[in-house]
Protein backbone atom coordinates (compact mmCIF):
# COMPACT_ATOMS: atom_id res chain seq x y z
CA MET A 1 -7.95 -61.40 99.00
CA GLY A 2 -11.54 -62.77 98.50
CA GLY A 3 -14.82 -61.13 97.46
CA LYS A 4 -14.87 -57.62 95.76
CA SER A 5 -11.80 -55.82 96.86
CA CYS A 6 -10.68 -52.36 96.79
CA PHE A 7 -7.32 -50.38 97.22
CA PHE A 8 -6.28 -47.07 98.22
CA ILE A 9 -3.47 -45.03 96.59
CA GLY A 10 -2.68 -41.46 97.43
CA HIS A 11 -0.14 -38.66 98.51
CA ARG A 12 1.05 -38.77 102.00
CA GLU A 13 0.34 -35.06 102.57
CA ALA A 14 -3.58 -35.52 101.72
CA SER A 15 -5.63 -32.94 103.68
CA GLU A 16 -8.19 -33.99 106.06
CA GLU A 17 -10.45 -31.84 103.83
CA ILE A 18 -10.83 -34.75 101.65
CA TYR A 19 -12.33 -37.01 104.33
CA PRO A 20 -15.76 -36.35 103.35
CA ALA A 21 -15.43 -37.43 99.73
CA LEU A 22 -13.18 -40.27 100.79
CA TYR A 23 -15.85 -41.59 103.30
CA ALA A 24 -18.69 -41.32 100.47
CA ALA A 25 -16.42 -43.26 98.08
CA VAL A 26 -15.92 -46.05 100.55
CA GLU A 27 -19.71 -45.99 101.07
CA GLN A 28 -20.36 -45.87 97.50
CA HIS A 29 -17.99 -48.88 96.90
CA ILE A 30 -19.86 -51.03 99.54
CA LEU A 31 -23.44 -50.11 98.61
CA GLU A 32 -23.28 -49.86 94.97
CA TYR A 33 -20.22 -52.16 93.91
CA GLY A 34 -20.43 -54.84 96.74
CA VAL A 35 -16.96 -54.44 98.14
CA THR A 36 -16.32 -56.20 101.14
CA GLU A 37 -12.65 -56.03 101.46
CA PHE A 38 -10.44 -52.71 101.56
CA ILE A 39 -6.80 -52.79 101.33
CA VAL A 40 -4.64 -49.93 102.65
CA GLY A 41 -1.03 -49.17 103.43
CA HIS A 42 0.20 -47.01 106.47
CA TYR A 43 2.92 -44.61 105.15
CA GLY A 44 1.21 -41.13 105.02
CA GLY A 45 -1.94 -39.11 105.43
CA PHE A 46 -4.02 -40.53 102.70
CA ASP A 47 -3.55 -44.04 103.92
CA ARG A 48 -4.55 -42.76 107.49
CA LEU A 49 -7.62 -41.22 106.17
CA ALA A 50 -8.60 -44.14 103.99
CA ALA A 51 -8.31 -46.59 107.04
CA SER A 52 -10.39 -44.06 109.20
CA ALA A 53 -13.25 -44.07 106.40
CA VAL A 54 -13.24 -47.71 106.35
CA LYS A 55 -13.09 -48.24 110.08
CA GLU A 56 -16.10 -45.66 110.17
CA ALA A 57 -17.92 -47.62 107.49
CA LYS A 58 -17.35 -50.89 109.51
CA ARG A 59 -19.72 -49.59 112.26
CA PHE A 60 -22.49 -49.57 109.71
CA TYR A 61 -21.54 -52.46 107.35
CA PRO A 62 -20.18 -55.14 109.69
CA GLU A 63 -19.30 -57.70 106.81
CA VAL A 64 -16.54 -55.16 105.71
CA ARG A 65 -12.79 -56.17 106.38
CA LEU A 66 -9.88 -53.71 106.44
CA ILE A 67 -6.75 -55.21 105.38
CA LEU A 68 -3.17 -53.60 105.98
CA LEU A 69 -0.60 -54.03 103.07
CA LEU A 70 2.73 -54.94 104.22
CA PRO A 71 5.40 -54.05 101.58
CA TYR A 72 8.23 -55.56 103.86
CA HIS A 73 8.28 -59.03 104.98
CA PRO A 74 6.74 -59.24 108.49
CA ALA A 75 9.69 -61.14 110.11
CA GLU A 76 12.05 -58.44 108.81
CA ARG A 77 10.03 -55.52 109.75
CA PRO A 78 7.28 -56.66 112.26
CA ILE A 79 4.16 -54.51 112.62
CA PRO A 80 1.72 -54.97 115.46
CA MET A 81 -1.87 -55.36 114.61
CA ILE A 82 -3.31 -51.96 114.26
CA GLU A 83 -6.66 -51.36 115.87
CA GLY A 84 -9.52 -51.61 113.53
CA PHE A 85 -7.58 -53.83 110.95
CA ASP A 86 -8.80 -57.42 110.45
CA GLY A 87 -5.66 -58.70 109.05
CA THR A 88 -2.52 -58.02 107.07
CA PHE A 89 -1.48 -58.94 103.49
CA TYR A 90 2.12 -59.51 102.30
CA PRO A 91 2.24 -59.94 98.54
CA PRO A 92 3.83 -63.18 97.32
CA GLY A 93 7.17 -63.14 95.74
CA MET A 94 8.05 -59.87 97.48
CA GLU A 95 11.04 -61.42 99.55
CA SER A 96 13.53 -60.73 96.76
CA VAL A 97 12.43 -57.40 96.06
CA PRO A 98 14.94 -54.50 96.97
CA ARG A 99 13.73 -52.47 99.86
CA LYS A 100 13.89 -49.23 98.00
CA VAL A 101 11.25 -50.38 95.63
CA ALA A 102 9.11 -52.72 97.94
CA ILE A 103 6.29 -50.08 98.58
CA VAL A 104 5.99 -49.36 94.75
CA ARG A 105 6.15 -53.15 93.95
CA ALA A 106 3.57 -54.16 96.69
CA ASN A 107 1.30 -51.40 95.51
CA ARG A 108 1.48 -52.61 92.04
CA TYR A 109 0.75 -56.20 92.92
CA VAL A 110 -2.37 -55.07 94.87
CA VAL A 111 -3.53 -52.99 91.80
CA ASP A 112 -3.10 -56.07 89.58
CA HIS A 113 -5.41 -58.07 91.95
CA VAL A 114 -8.30 -55.92 93.19
CA ASP A 115 -11.64 -54.99 91.52
CA TYR A 116 -11.49 -51.23 92.54
CA LEU A 117 -8.98 -48.43 93.24
CA ILE A 118 -9.78 -45.23 95.05
CA ALA A 119 -7.06 -42.75 94.36
CA TYR A 120 -6.07 -39.07 95.61
CA ALA A 121 -3.00 -38.45 93.29
CA TRP A 122 -2.13 -35.19 91.62
CA HIS A 123 1.54 -34.83 91.68
CA PRO A 124 2.68 -35.59 88.11
CA ALA A 125 5.92 -37.06 88.79
CA SER A 126 5.08 -39.31 91.70
CA ASN A 127 4.72 -43.03 92.37
CA ALA A 128 1.33 -42.77 93.22
CA ARG A 129 0.35 -40.87 90.23
CA GLU A 130 2.10 -43.34 87.91
CA LEU A 131 0.30 -46.14 89.68
CA VAL A 132 -3.25 -44.37 89.07
CA GLU A 133 -2.22 -43.95 85.26
CA TYR A 134 -1.42 -47.85 85.25
CA ALA A 135 -4.58 -48.63 86.84
CA GLN A 136 -6.58 -46.43 84.15
CA LYS A 137 -5.03 -48.37 81.60
CA ARG A 138 -6.18 -51.56 82.99
CA GLN A 139 -9.75 -50.06 83.39
CA GLN A 140 -9.69 -49.50 79.84
CA LYS A 141 -9.31 -53.33 79.46
CA ASN A 142 -12.09 -53.67 82.16
CA CYS A 143 -9.56 -55.14 84.71
CA ILE A 144 -10.21 -52.74 87.52
CA GLN A 145 -12.60 -49.65 88.15
CA VAL A 146 -10.74 -46.34 89.29
CA THR A 147 -12.19 -43.54 91.35
CA VAL A 148 -10.12 -40.56 91.44
CA LEU A 149 -10.97 -37.99 94.08
CA ARG A 150 -10.56 -34.43 93.40
CA GLN A 151 -7.66 -32.26 94.68
CA VAL A 152 -8.70 -30.25 97.41
CA ALA A 153 -7.62 -26.29 97.11
CA ILE A 154 -5.18 -25.55 99.87
């Protein structure tokens, strides 16, 4: 990961209604914070919306790169390059991580190595919410800046 980077974390059942706020956050991170690299997973609605927002932003800001986070080793679980992505990232040392905690561990690794986090997590007992709380503790030490999108009323 090079330059200023931003990761996304959120719940898989995120509504399309958050897209405008999500796109605005992506654009803010590009224009105000100088982010050129966005990392996103691919296991739910929020990840899909985040990737869409970055792909749209890339039309106006060609220097932006979109990276797909791979929690499982690419040889074990191959994923073809998804249109609009510029590459993949498999965190080092993940080979020995049990599959059932691979996503959680990969997400934590990325949070420990990026400059920014855009989050949409409100379920109190969820891995996404726990990761946001972890990132917010790191924010107090000036290690990361966290943007939490508001929950949309359904």
